[in-house]
Amino acid sequence: MTKRAIITGITGQDGSYLAELLLAQGYEVIGVVRRSSSPNLWRIEHLLDRVTLRPADLLDQLSLVRIIQDVRPDEFYNLAAMSFVPASWDQPLLTGEYNAMGVTRMLEAIRQVDPGIRIYQASSSEMYGRVREVPQTELTPFYPRSPYGVSKVFGHYITVNYRESYGMFACSGILFNHESPRRGLEFVTRKVSDGVARIKLGLADHLSLGNLDAHRDWGFAGDYVRAMWQMLQQEQADDFVIATGVAHSVRELVELAFAHVDLDWEEHVRIDPKLLRPAEVDHLIGDAAKAKQELGWEPSVSFQQLVAMMVDADLERLSSPSGHRAATLQPRF
């Protein structure tokens, strides 16, 4: 019997890779999209004839109840969120509505319709914030340093609460930074790869960045969605850190990206104080030992390979006649 899965946030980076994975596994995939005057479907254009898109919104619980009643999925992946950390200071209330109360609406809708549905909730390494220990595990205390991180802590613990209170199969993946050519242009990895490509092609002469000393544990999004799926195939629901276990600075990212196209980064990078966060997170490095042992999960793409992949993709995109069209589309949901 064909399994059926609902993905919120299907138009985002992770949603598009997850949809590809589930289709390859033989699933029927239903993607949740918010009604919008300008829908951003560029990441899933190649999948539109193989997935079903349905309107619903994490701010509207009735819409969630209806889609769950209609679809009756085996699995529900909640990837929709206000996902850009700096913007969460500009819109803290809306961030909380989506990332905290939205998760509660989703869980409650599933509990009302069919509590047997298996649930994946997208948690985040930003929950650790001002880290209590290095590296971070599933047991490391949270100390979020942004409205985004705070909202994700609520979403994480309400998922745990529904699992323990109602016996629901609800997992949270504490994913560290994961990137790809489908990453939004507002994120630093994509900003760098896009900027390097523009400078190489003569479309720009410099790249403005904030804190070059910030460190992140960066992996490939395609590897990380595989972990999401693996979590829902286990006998027992649990929470897992997904990470490479190696941190790199923004400076290393910049050096690798410019070196990949034979340019000297110091000639092109400018530091802009306006791009600094009000409160920076510290040394985020994840320990994915539990996922490796219990899920058999391993990352397959190195940091160097990831940077090269992203720069090459942006070079190709910006060299093509339609390249500038995709560059203007930056969905966060």
C-alpha atoms as a PDB file:
ATOM      1  CA  MET A   1       0.000   0.000   0.000  1.00  0.00           C
ATOM      2  CA  THR A   2       1.369   3.413  -0.997  1.00  0.00           C
ATOM      3  CA  LYS A   3       2.358   5.611   1.925  1.00  0.00           C
ATOM      4  CA  ARG A   4       1.058   9.163   1.979  1.00  0.00           C
ATOM      5  CA  ALA A   5       2.919  12.141   3.463  1.00  0.00           C
ATOM      6  CA  ILE A   6       2.065  15.787   4.049  1.00  0.00           C
ATOM      7  CA  ILE A   7       4.906  18.312   3.958  1.00  0.00           C
ATOM      8  CA  THR A   8       4.420  21.859   5.222  1.00  0.00           C
ATOM      9  CA  GLY A   9       7.073  24.163   3.848  1.00  0.00           C
ATOM     10  CA  ILE A  10       7.403  22.092   0.676  1.00  0.00           C
ATOM     11  CA  THR A  11       8.441  25.177  -1.318  1.00  0.00           C
ATOM     12  CA  GLY A  12      11.482  25.717   0.929  1.00  0.00           C
ATOM     13  CA  GLN A  13      14.938  24.210   0.684  1.00  0.00           C
ATOM     14  CA  ASP A  14      14.296  21.236   2.967  1.00  0.00           C
ATOM     15  CA  GLY A  15      10.771  20.658   1.693  1.00  0.00           C
ATOM     16  CA  SER A  16      11.942  20.321  -1.899  1.00  0.00           C
ATOM     17  CA  TYR A  17      14.694  17.833  -1.040  1.00  0.00           C
ATOM     18  CA  LEU A  18      12.346  15.868   1.234  1.00  0.00           C
ATOM     19  CA  ALA A  19       9.695  15.706  -1.494  1.00  0.00           C
ATOM     20  CA  GLU A  20      12.289  14.261  -3.887  1.00  0.00           C
ATOM     21  CA  LEU A  21      13.335  11.670  -1.314  1.00  0.00           C
ATOM     22  CA  LEU A  22       9.778  10.581  -0.495  1.00  0.00           C
ATOM     23  CA  LEU A  23       8.838  10.331  -4.172  1.00  0.00           C
ATOM     24  CA  ALA A  24      11.889   8.129  -4.721  1.00  0.00           C
ATOM     25  CA  GLN A  25      10.632   5.955  -1.851  1.00  0.00           C
ATOM     26  CA  GLY A  26       7.271   5.561  -3.587  1.00  0.00           C
ATOM     27  CA  TYR A  27       5.239   7.935  -1.412  1.00  0.00           C
ATOM     28  CA  GLU A  28       2.273   9.989  -2.462  1.00  0.00           C
ATOM     29  CA  VAL A  29       3.351  13.532  -1.508  1.00  0.00           C
ATOM     30  CA  ILE A  30       0.970  16.347  -0.579  1.00  0.00           C
ATOM     31  CA  GLY A  31       2.534  19.749  -0.076  1.00  0.00           C
ATOM     32  CA  VAL A  32       0.973  22.480   2.032  1.00  0.00           C
ATOM     33  CA  VAL A  33       1.249  25.974   0.573  1.00  0.00           C
ATOM     34  CA  ARG A  34      -0.013  29.283   1.882  1.00  0.00           C
ATOM     35  CA  ARG A  35      -2.223  31.289  -0.425  1.00  0.00           C
ATOM     36  CA  SER A  36      -0.053  34.044  -1.860  1.00  0.00           C
ATOM     37  CA  SER A  37      -0.305  36.697  -4.542  1.00  0.00           C
ATOM     38  CA  SER A  38       3.080  35.578  -5.865  1.00  0.00           C
ATOM     39  CA  PRO A  39       3.648  31.865  -5.149  1.00  0.00           C
ATOM     40  CA  ASN A  40       7.304  30.845  -4.990  1.00  0.00           C
ATOM     41  CA  LEU A  41       7.483  27.398  -6.541  1.00  0.00           C
ATOM     42  CA  TRP A  42      10.916  27.553  -8.180  1.00  0.00           C
ATOM     43  CA  ARG A  43      12.439  24.910  -5.915  1.00  0.00           C
ATOM     44  CA  ILE A  44       9.758  22.346  -6.778  1.00  0.00           C
ATOM     45  CA  GLU A  45       8.979  23.261 -10.398  1.00  0.00           C
ATOM     46  CA  HIS A  46      10.502  19.965 -11.514  1.00  0.00           C
ATOM     47  CA  LEU A  47       8.171  18.079  -9.133  1.00  0.00           C
ATOM     48  CA  LEU A  48       4.845  19.800  -9.812  1.00  0.00           C
ATOM     49  CA  ASP A  49       3.540  16.950 -11.979  1.00  0.00           C
ATOM     50  CA  ARG A  50       4.344  14.428  -9.212  1.00  0.00           C
ATOM     51  CA  VAL A  51       3.143  16.160  -6.037  1.00  0.00           C
ATOM     52  CA  THR A  52      -0.227  17.562  -4.969  1.00  0.00           C
ATOM     53  CA  LEU A  53      -0.309  21.072  -3.530  1.00  0.00           C
ATOM     54  CA  ARG A  54      -3.044  22.013  -1.068  1.00  0.00           C
ATOM     55  CA  PRO A  55      -3.695  25.385   0.608  1.00  0.00           C
ATOM     56  CA  ALA A  56      -3.439  25.571   4.402  1.00  0.00           C
ATOM     57  CA  ASP A  57      -1.705  27.735   6.980  1.00  0.00           C
ATOM     58  CA  LEU A  58      -0.163  27.152  10.416  1.00  0.00           C
ATOM     59  CA  LEU A  59      -2.033  30.266  11.588  1.00  0.00           C
ATOM     60  CA  ASP A  60      -5.382  28.665  10.689  1.00  0.00           C
ATOM     61  CA  GLN A  61      -6.056  25.478  12.631  1.00  0.00           C
ATOM     62  CA  LEU A  62      -9.275  24.702  10.744  1.00  0.00           C
ATOM     63  CA  SER A  63      -7.335  24.584   7.484  1.00  0.00           C
ATOM     64  CA  LEU A  64      -4.960  22.061   9.065  1.00  0.00           C
ATOM     65  CA  VAL A  65      -7.812  19.909  10.360  1.00  0.00           C
ATOM     66  CA  ARG A  66      -9.415  19.880   6.916  1.00  0.00           C
ATOM     67  CA  ILE A  67      -6.302  18.851   5.023  1.00  0.00           C
ATOM     68  CA  ILE A  68      -5.524  16.084   7.532  1.00  0.00           C
ATOM     69  CA  GLN A  69      -9.111  14.817   7.299  1.00  0.00           C
ATOM     70  CA  ASP A  70      -9.010  14.856   3.487  1.00  0.00           C
ATOM     71  CA  VAL A  71      -5.552  13.339   3.015  1.00  0.00           C
ATOM     72  CA  ARG A  72      -5.319  10.966   6.005  1.00  0.00           C
ATOM     73  CA  PRO A  73      -1.513  10.830   5.770  1.00  0.00           C
ATOM     74  CA  ASP A  74       0.750   8.190   7.273  1.00  0.00           C
ATOM     75  CA  GLU A  75       3.401  10.817   7.977  1.00  0.00           C
ATOM     76  CA  PHE A  76       3.344  14.579   8.560  1.00  0.00           C
ATOM     77  CA  TYR A  77       6.519  16.645   8.180  1.00  0.00           C
ATOM     78  CA  ASN A  78       6.251  20.151   9.637  1.00  0.00           C
ATOM     79  CA  LEU A  79       8.999  22.167   7.941  1.00  0.00           C
ATOM     80  CA  ALA A  80       7.107  25.464   7.625  1.00  0.00           C
ATOM     81  CA  ALA A  81       8.510  28.276   9.758  1.00  0.00           C
ATOM     82  CA  MET A  82       9.680  31.831   9.894  1.00  0.00           C
ATOM     83  CA  SER A  83      13.142  30.499   9.179  1.00  0.00           C
ATOM     84  CA  PHE A  84      15.446  33.513   8.802  1.00  0.00           C
ATOM     85  CA  VAL A  85      16.974  34.245  12.208  1.00  0.00           C
ATOM     86  CA  PRO A  86      17.803  37.988  11.805  1.00  0.00           C
ATOM     87  CA  ALA A  87      14.236  38.744  10.655  1.00  0.00           C
ATOM     88  CA  SER A  88      12.884  37.317  13.898  1.00  0.00           C
ATOM     89  CA  TRP A  89      13.945  40.488  15.723  1.00  0.00           C
ATOM     90  CA  ASP A  90      11.891  42.537  13.244  1.00  0.00           C
ATOM     91  CA  GLN A  91       8.848  40.258  13.523  1.00  0.00           C
ATOM     92  CA  PRO A  92       9.047  38.507  16.909  1.00  0.00           C
ATOM     93  CA  LEU A  93       5.293  38.074  17.339  1.00  0.00           C
ATOM     94  CA  LEU A  94       4.754  36.579  13.886  1.00  0.00           C
ATOM     95  CA  THR A  95       7.784  34.338  14.429  1.00  0.00           C
ATOM     96  CA  GLY A  96       6.148  33.026  17.601  1.00  0.00           C
ATOM     97  CA  GLU A  97       2.795  32.540  15.875  1.00  0.00           C
ATOM     98  CA  TYR A  98       4.326  30.299  13.214  1.00  0.00           C
ATOM     99  CA  ASN A  99       7.142  28.546  15.059  1.00  0.00           C
ATOM    100  CA  ALA A 100       5.492  28.079  18.453  1.00  0.00           C
ATOM    101  CA  MET A 101       1.705  28.345  18.256  1.00  0.00           C
ATOM    102  CA  GLY A 102       1.727  27.018  14.686  1.00  0.00           C
ATOM    103  CA  VAL A 103       3.359  23.797  15.873  1.00  0.00           C
ATOM    104  CA  THR A 104       0.740  23.495  18.621  1.00  0.00           C
ATOM    105  CA  ARG A 105      -2.074  23.970  16.089  1.00  0.00           C
ATOM    106  CA  MET A 106      -0.540  21.272  13.893  1.00  0.00           C
ATOM    107  CA  LEU A 107      -0.169  18.798  16.775  1.00  0.00           C
ATOM    108  CA  GLU A 108      -3.679  19.468  18.050  1.00  0.00           C
ATOM    109  CA  ALA A 109      -5.173  19.074  14.574  1.00  0.00           C
ATOM    110  CA  ILE A 110      -3.464  15.691  14.187  1.00  0.00           C
ATOM    111  CA  ARG A 111      -4.528  14.615  17.684  1.00  0.00           C
ATOM    112  CA  GLN A 112      -8.137  15.471  16.872  1.00  0.00           C
ATOM    113  CA  VAL A 113      -8.242  13.750  13.492  1.00  0.00           C
ATOM    114  CA  ASP A 114      -5.853  10.793  13.780  1.00  0.00           C
ATOM    115  CA  PRO A 115      -3.285  10.599  16.605  1.00  0.00           C
ATOM    116  CA  GLY A 116      -1.693   7.608  14.852  1.00  0.00           C
ATOM    117  CA  ILE A 117      -0.098   9.837  12.197  1.00  0.00           C
ATOM    118  CA  ARG A 118       3.695   9.940  12.528  1.00  0.00           C
ATOM    119  CA  ILE A 119       4.982  13.498  12.970  1.00  0.00           C
ATOM    120  CA  TYR A 120       8.308  15.143  12.227  1.00  0.00           C
ATOM    121  CA  GLN A 121       8.908  18.564  13.790  1.00  0.00           C
ATOM    122  CA  ALA A 122      11.806  20.694  12.537  1.00  0.00           C
ATOM    123  CA  SER A 123      13.756  21.833  15.587  1.00  0.00           C
ATOM    124  CA  SER A 124      16.943  23.876  15.285  1.00  0.00           C
ATOM    125  CA  SER A 125      20.481  24.216  16.622  1.00  0.00           C
ATOM    126  CA  GLU A 126      19.586  27.871  17.270  1.00  0.00           C
ATOM    127  CA  MET A 127      17.807  26.572  20.383  1.00  0.00           C
ATOM    128  CA  TYR A 128      21.246  26.092  21.987  1.00  0.00           C
ATOM    129  CA  GLY A 129      22.228  29.733  21.429  1.00  0.00           C
ATOM    130  CA  ARG A 130      24.619  30.608  24.226  1.00  0.00           C
ATOM    131  CA  VAL A 131      25.861  27.073  24.380  1.00  0.00           C
ATOM    132  CA  ARG A 132      26.180  25.255  27.685  1.00  0.00           C
ATOM    133  CA  GLU A 133      28.611  22.639  26.346  1.00  0.00           C
ATOM    134  CA  VAL A 134      30.557  21.801  23.195  1.00  0.00           C
ATOM    135  CA  PRO A 135      29.597  19.782  21.240  1.00  0.00           C
ATOM    136  CA  GLN A 136      25.821  19.873  21.717  1.00  0.00           C
ATOM    137  CA  THR A 137      23.778  16.689  22.168  1.00  0.00           C
ATOM    138  CA  GLU A 138      20.099  15.902  22.654  1.00  0.00           C
ATOM    139  CA  LEU A 139      20.626  16.480  26.403  1.00  0.00           C
ATOM    140  CA  THR A 140      22.396  19.859  26.194  1.00  0.00           C
ATOM    141  CA  PRO A 141      20.291  22.607  27.870  1.00  0.00           C
ATOM    142  CA  PHE A 142      18.831  25.234  25.560  1.00  0.00           C
ATOM    143  CA  TYR A 143      19.726  28.930  25.851  1.00  0.00           C
ATOM    144  CA  PRO A 144      18.254  30.603  22.746  1.00  0.00           C
ATOM    145  CA  ARG A 145      19.607  34.006  21.695  1.00  0.00           C
ATOM    146  CA  SER A 146      16.970  35.193  19.232  1.00  0.00           C
ATOM    147  CA  PRO A 147      13.177  35.299  18.983  1.00  0.00           C
ATOM    148  CA  TYR A 148      13.580  32.542  16.372  1.00  0.00           C
ATOM    149  CA  GLY A 149      15.512  30.340  18.805  1.00  0.00           C
ATOM    150  CA  VAL A 150      12.997  30.979  21.587  1.00  0.00           C
ATOM    151  CA  SER A 151      10.076  30.087  19.331  1.00  0.00           C
ATOM    152  CA  LYS A 152      11.798  26.876  18.249  1.00  0.00           C
ATOM    153  CA  VAL A 153      12.311  25.837  21.880  1.00  0.00           C
ATOM    154  CA  PHE A 154       8.557  26.152  22.429  1.00  0.00           C
ATOM    155  CA  GLY A 155       7.873  24.126  19.268  1.00  0.00           C
ATOM    156  CA  HIS A 156      10.336  21.477  20.394  1.00  0.00           C
ATOM    157  CA  TYR A 157       8.960  21.054  23.894  1.00  0.00           C
ATOM    158  CA  ILE A 158       5.298  21.121  22.853  1.00  0.00           C
ATOM    159  CA  THR A 159       6.139  18.251  20.475  1.00  0.00           C
ATOM    160  CA  VAL A 160       7.758  16.322  23.327  1.00  0.00           C
ATOM    161  CA  ASN A 161       4.712  17.137  25.457  1.00  0.00           C
ATOM    162  CA  TYR A 162       2.234  15.727  22.937  1.00  0.00           C
ATOM    163  CA  ARG A 163       4.369  12.601  22.546  1.00  0.00           C
ATOM    164  CA  GLU A 164       4.496  11.981  26.285  1.00  0.00           C
ATOM    165  CA  SER A 165       0.947  13.135  27.111  1.00  0.00           C
ATOM    166  CA  TYR A 166      -0.961  11.473  24.270  1.00  0.00           C
ATOM    167  CA  GLY A 167       1.378   8.687  23.125  1.00  0.00           C
ATOM    168  CA  MET A 168       1.725  10.263  19.686  1.00  0.00           C
ATOM    169  CA  PHE A 169       4.611   9.282  17.405  1.00  0.00           C
ATOM    170  CA  ALA A 170       6.195  12.742  17.288  1.00  0.00           C
ATOM    171  CA  CYS A 171       9.894  13.271  16.592  1.00  0.00           C
ATOM    172  CA  SER A 172      11.959  16.439  16.603  1.00  0.00           C
ATOM    173  CA  GLY A 173      15.086  16.738  14.512  1.00  0.00           C
ATOM    174  CA  ILE A 174      17.543  19.204  16.046  1.00  0.00           C
ATOM    175  CA  LEU A 175      19.173  20.088  12.766  1.00  0.00           C
ATOM    176  CA  PHE A 176      22.331  22.133  12.631  1.00  0.00           C
ATOM    177  CA  ASN A 177      22.893  24.468   9.681  1.00  0.00           C
ATOM    178  CA  HIS A 178      22.317  22.718   6.389  1.00  0.00           C
ATOM    179  CA  GLU A 179      22.787  24.381   3.044  1.00  0.00           C
ATOM    180  CA  SER A 180      22.427  23.797  -0.693  1.00  0.00           C
ATOM    181  CA  PRO A 181      22.030  25.649  -3.994  1.00  0.00           C
ATOM    182  CA  ARG A 182      18.340  25.967  -2.995  1.00  0.00           C
ATOM    183  CA  ARG A 183      19.122  27.978   0.133  1.00  0.00           C
ATOM    184  CA  GLY A 184      17.501  31.420   0.256  1.00  0.00           C
ATOM    185  CA  LEU A 185      19.686  34.345  -0.771  1.00  0.00           C
ATOM    186  CA  GLU A 186      19.322  35.942   2.666  1.00  0.00           C
ATOM    187  CA  PHE A 187      21.328  33.144   4.348  1.00  0.00           C
ATOM    188  CA  VAL A 188      25.071  33.709   4.649  1.00  0.00           C
ATOM    189  CA  THR A 189      26.219  30.595   2.760  1.00  0.00           C
ATOM    190  CA  ARG A 190      24.053  31.410  -0.246  1.00  0.00           C
ATOM    191  CA  LYS A 191      24.858  35.108   0.028  1.00  0.00           C
ATOM    192  CA  VAL A 192      28.528  34.181  -0.254  1.00  0.00           C
ATOM    193  CA  SER A 193      28.138  31.705  -3.134  1.00  0.00           C
ATOM    194  CA  ASP A 194      25.903  34.124  -5.040  1.00  0.00           C
ATOM    195  CA  GLY A 195      28.241  37.040  -4.338  1.00  0.00           C
ATOM    196  CA  VAL A 196      31.316  35.108  -5.453  1.00  0.00           C
ATOM    197  CA  ALA A 197      29.578  34.084  -8.683  1.00  0.00           C
ATOM    198  CA  ARG A 198      28.520  37.681  -9.378  1.00  0.00           C
ATOM    199  CA  ILE A 199      32.039  39.000  -8.789  1.00  0.00           C
ATOM    200  CA  LYS A 200      33.563  36.264 -10.956  1.00  0.00           C
ATOM    201  CA  LEU A 201      31.134  37.062 -13.787  1.00  0.00           C
ATOM    202  CA  GLY A 202      31.686  40.824 -13.502  1.00  0.00           C
ATOM    203  CA  LEU A 203      28.156  41.488 -12.184  1.00  0.00           C
ATOM    204  CA  ALA A 204      29.454  42.916  -8.879  1.00  0.00           C
ATOM    205  CA  ASP A 205      32.750  44.072  -7.400  1.00  0.00           C
ATOM    206  CA  HIS A 206      32.331  43.438  -3.686  1.00  0.00           C
ATOM    207  CA  LEU A 207      30.459  41.408  -1.071  1.00  0.00           C
ATOM    208  CA  SER A 208      29.205  42.901   2.220  1.00  0.00           C
ATOM    209  CA  LEU A 209      29.219  40.594   5.254  1.00  0.00           C
ATOM    210  CA  GLY A 210      28.855  40.802   9.028  1.00  0.00           C
ATOM    211  CA  ASN A 211      30.702  38.677  11.586  1.00  0.00           C
ATOM    212  CA  LEU A 212      33.412  36.626   9.837  1.00  0.00           C
ATOM    213  CA  ASP A 213      34.330  34.915  13.098  1.00  0.00           C
ATOM    214  CA  ALA A 214      30.933  33.290  13.661  1.00  0.00           C
ATOM    215  CA  HIS A 215      31.232  29.497  13.556  1.00  0.00           C
ATOM    216  CA  ARG A 216      28.606  27.074  12.313  1.00  0.00           C
ATOM    217  CA  ASP A 217      28.327  23.324  11.801  1.00  0.00           C
ATOM    218  CA  TRP A 218      27.339  23.291   8.115  1.00  0.00           C
ATOM    219  CA  GLY A 219      26.095  20.243   6.192  1.00  0.00           C
ATOM    220  CA  PHE A 220      24.228  19.456   2.987  1.00  0.00           C
ATOM    221  CA  ALA A 221      20.422  19.728   3.112  1.00  0.00           C
ATOM    222  CA  GLY A 222      19.985  16.607   0.973  1.00  0.00           C
ATOM    223  CA  ASP A 223      21.721  14.556   3.675  1.00  0.00           C
ATOM    224  CA  TYR A 224      19.652  16.104   6.464  1.00  0.00           C
ATOM    225  CA  VAL A 225      16.209  15.377   4.993  1.00  0.00           C
ATOM    226  CA  ARG A 226      17.222  11.705   4.817  1.00  0.00           C
ATOM    227  CA  ALA A 227      17.529  11.821   8.610  1.00  0.00           C
ATOM    228  CA  MET A 228      14.005  13.262   8.899  1.00  0.00           C
ATOM    229  CA  TRP A 229      12.587  10.300   7.018  1.00  0.00           C
ATOM    230  CA  GLN A 230      14.691   7.805   8.966  1.00  0.00           C
ATOM    231  CA  MET A 231      13.343   9.156  12.266  1.00  0.00           C
ATOM    232  CA  LEU A 232       9.780   8.283  11.284  1.00  0.00           C
ATOM    233  CA  GLN A 233      10.724   4.724  10.321  1.00  0.00           C
ATOM    234  CA  GLN A 234      11.838   3.789  13.855  1.00  0.00           C
ATOM    235  CA  GLU A 235       9.836   1.712  16.321  1.00  0.00           C
ATOM    236  CA  GLN A 236       9.936   4.440  18.972  1.00  0.00           C
ATOM    237  CA  ALA A 237       9.597   8.184  18.502  1.00  0.00           C
ATOM    238  CA  ASP A 238      12.561  10.182  19.755  1.00  0.00           C
ATOM    239  CA  ASP A 239      14.557  13.375  19.177  1.00  0.00           C
ATOM    240  CA  PHE A 240      17.860  13.466  17.316  1.00  0.00           C
ATOM    241  CA  VAL A 241      20.690  15.931  16.723  1.00  0.00           C
ATOM    242  CA  ILE A 242      21.670  15.982  13.048  1.00  0.00           C
ATOM    243  CA  ALA A 243      25.051  17.575  12.371  1.00  0.00           C
ATOM    244  CA  THR A 244      28.486  16.976  10.855  1.00  0.00           C
ATOM    245  CA  GLY A 245      30.343  17.479  14.142  1.00  0.00           C
ATOM    246  CA  VAL A 246      32.739  19.966  12.509  1.00  0.00           C
ATOM    247  CA  ALA A 247      32.400  23.756  12.773  1.00  0.00           C
ATOM    248  CA  HIS A 248      33.715  26.266  10.245  1.00  0.00           C
ATOM    249  CA  SER A 249      33.913  30.044  10.447  1.00  0.00           C
ATOM    250  CA  VAL A 250      32.287  32.407   7.988  1.00  0.00           C
ATOM    251  CA  ARG A 251      35.858  33.408   7.115  1.00  0.00           C
ATOM    252  CA  GLU A 252      36.645  29.814   6.063  1.00  0.00           C
ATOM    253  CA  LEU A 253      33.451  29.752   3.996  1.00  0.00           C
ATOM    254  CA  VAL A 254      34.516  32.957   2.254  1.00  0.00           C
ATOM    255  CA  GLU A 255      38.085  31.762   1.667  1.00  0.00           C
ATOM    256  CA  LEU A 256      36.929  28.480   0.122  1.00  0.00           C
ATOM    257  CA  ALA A 257      34.279  30.095  -2.061  1.00  0.00           C
ATOM    258  CA  PHE A 258      36.608  32.734  -3.524  1.00  0.00           C
ATOM    259  CA  ALA A 259      39.467  30.252  -3.936  1.00  0.00           C
ATOM    260  CA  HIS A 260      37.142  27.975  -5.903  1.00  0.00           C
ATOM    261  CA  VAL A 261      36.997  30.631  -8.652  1.00  0.00           C
ATOM    262  CA  ASP A 262      40.642  31.743  -8.237  1.00  0.00           C
ATOM    263  CA  LEU A 263      39.905  35.084  -6.554  1.00  0.00           C
ATOM    264  CA  ASP A 264      41.430  36.723  -3.460  1.00  0.00           C
ATOM    265  CA  TRP A 265      38.595  37.232  -0.994  1.00  0.00           C
ATOM    266  CA  GLU A 266      40.325  40.100   0.809  1.00  0.00           C
ATOM    267  CA  GLU A 267      40.096  42.224  -2.333  1.00  0.00           C
ATOM    268  CA  HIS A 268      36.310  41.922  -2.479  1.00  0.00           C
ATOM    269  CA  VAL A 269      34.821  41.443   1.010  1.00  0.00           C
ATOM    270  CA  ARG A 270      33.636  44.430   3.058  1.00  0.00           C
ATOM    271  CA  ILE A 271      32.456  44.275   6.671  1.00  0.00           C
ATOM    272  CA  ASP A 272      29.108  45.991   7.275  1.00  0.00           C
ATOM    273  CA  PRO A 273      28.261  46.608  10.978  1.00  0.00           C
ATOM    274  CA  LYS A 274      24.551  46.685  10.083  1.00  0.00           C
ATOM    275  CA  LEU A 275      24.773  42.960   9.307  1.00  0.00           C
ATOM    276  CA  LEU A 276      25.858  42.009  12.836  1.00  0.00           C
ATOM    277  CA  ARG A 277      23.256  40.248  15.022  1.00  0.00           C
ATOM    278  CA  PRO A 278      22.061  41.944  18.247  1.00  0.00           C
ATOM    279  CA  ALA A 279      23.068  38.739  20.076  1.00  0.00           C
ATOM    280  CA  GLU A 280      25.365  36.244  18.391  1.00  0.00           C
ATOM    281  CA  VAL A 281      25.222  32.542  19.149  1.00  0.00           C
ATOM    282  CA  ASP A 282      28.427  30.906  20.291  1.00  0.00           C
ATOM    283  CA  HIS A 283      30.180  27.762  19.144  1.00  0.00           C
ATOM    284  CA  LEU A 284      27.514  25.599  17.527  1.00  0.00           C
ATOM    285  CA  ILE A 285      28.844  22.093  16.919  1.00  0.00           C
ATOM    286  CA  GLY A 286      26.495  19.132  16.947  1.00  0.00           C
ATOM    287  CA  ASP A 287      27.157  15.612  18.179  1.00  0.00           C
ATOM    288  CA  ALA A 288      25.128  13.276  15.963  1.00  0.00           C
ATOM    289  CA  ALA A 289      26.366  10.071  17.636  1.00  0.00           C
ATOM    290  CA  LYS A 290      22.842   9.018  18.597  1.00  0.00           C
ATOM    291  CA  ALA A 291      21.555   9.453  15.023  1.00  0.00           C
ATOM    292  CA  LYS A 292      24.533   7.541  13.645  1.00  0.00           C
ATOM    293  CA  GLN A 293      24.002   4.685  16.086  1.00  0.00           C
ATOM    294  CA  GLU A 294      20.206   4.403  16.077  1.00  0.00           C
ATOM    295  CA  LEU A 295      19.317   5.646  12.575  1.00  0.00           C
ATOM    296  CA  GLY A 296      22.470   4.631  10.737  1.00  0.00           C
ATOM    297  CA  TRP A 297      22.685   8.210   9.457  1.00  0.00           C
ATOM    298  CA  GLU A 298      25.916   9.678   8.088  1.00  0.00           C
ATOM    299  CA  PRO A 299      26.542  12.883   6.115  1.00  0.00           C
ATOM    300  CA  SER A 300      27.815  12.223   2.595  1.00  0.00           C
ATOM    301  CA  VAL A 301      28.880  15.715   1.441  1.00  0.00           C
ATOM    302  CA  SER A 302      31.898  17.496   2.978  1.00  0.00           C
ATOM    303  CA  PHE A 303      32.010  21.227   3.703  1.00  0.00           C
ATOM    304  CA  GLN A 304      34.447  21.771   0.843  1.00  0.00           C
ATOM    305  CA  GLN A 305      32.200  19.849  -1.564  1.00  0.00           C
ATOM    306  CA  LEU A 306      29.177  21.813  -0.354  1.00  0.00           C
ATOM    307  CA  VAL A 307      30.807  25.203  -0.949  1.00  0.00           C
ATOM    308  CA  ALA A 308      31.988  24.158  -4.419  1.00  0.00           C
ATOM    309  CA  MET A 309      28.516  22.815  -5.257  1.00  0.00           C
ATOM    310  CA  MET A 310      26.849  26.081  -4.266  1.00  0.00           C
ATOM    311  CA  VAL A 311      29.316  28.345  -6.079  1.00  0.00           C
ATOM    312  CA  ASP A 312      29.102  26.223  -9.246  1.00  0.00           C
ATOM    313  CA  ALA A 313      25.293  26.277  -9.136  1.00  0.00           C
ATOM    314  CA  ASP A 314      25.225  30.071  -8.796  1.00  0.00           C
ATOM    315  CA  LEU A 315      27.751  30.486 -11.610  1.00  0.00           C
ATOM    316  CA  GLU A 316      25.573  28.333 -13.839  1.00  0.00           C
ATOM    317  CA  ARG A 317      22.373  30.135 -12.818  1.00  0.00           C
ATOM    318  CA  LEU A 318      23.769  33.624 -13.329  1.00  0.00           C
ATOM    319  CA  SER A 319      25.334  32.650 -16.660  1.00  0.00           C
ATOM    320  CA  SER A 320      22.006  31.440 -18.061  1.00  0.00           C
ATOM    321  CA  PRO A 321      19.477  33.769 -19.775  1.00  0.00           C
ATOM    322  CA  SER A 322      16.882  33.105 -17.069  1.00  0.00           C
ATOM    323  CA  GLY A 323      19.375  33.295 -14.219  1.00  0.00           C
ATOM    324  CA  HIS A 324      18.167  36.524 -12.689  1.00  0.00           C
ATOM    325  CA  ARG A 325      14.579  35.293 -12.345  1.00  0.00           C
ATOM    326  CA  ALA A 326      15.382  32.628  -9.750  1.00  0.00           C
ATOM    327  CA  ALA A 327      17.662  35.054  -7.918  1.00  0.00           C
ATOM    328  CA  THR A 328      14.708  37.223  -6.948  1.00  0.00           C
ATOM    329  CA  LEU A 329      12.676  34.411  -5.392  1.00  0.00           C
ATOM    330  CA  GLN A 330      13.382  33.869  -1.701  1.00  0.00           C
ATOM    331  CA  PRO A 331      10.570  31.949   0.008  1.00  0.00           C
ATOM    332  CA  ARG A 332      11.002  31.344   3.706  1.00  0.00           C
ATOM    333  CA  PHE A 333       8.096  28.940   4.133  1.00  0.00           C
END
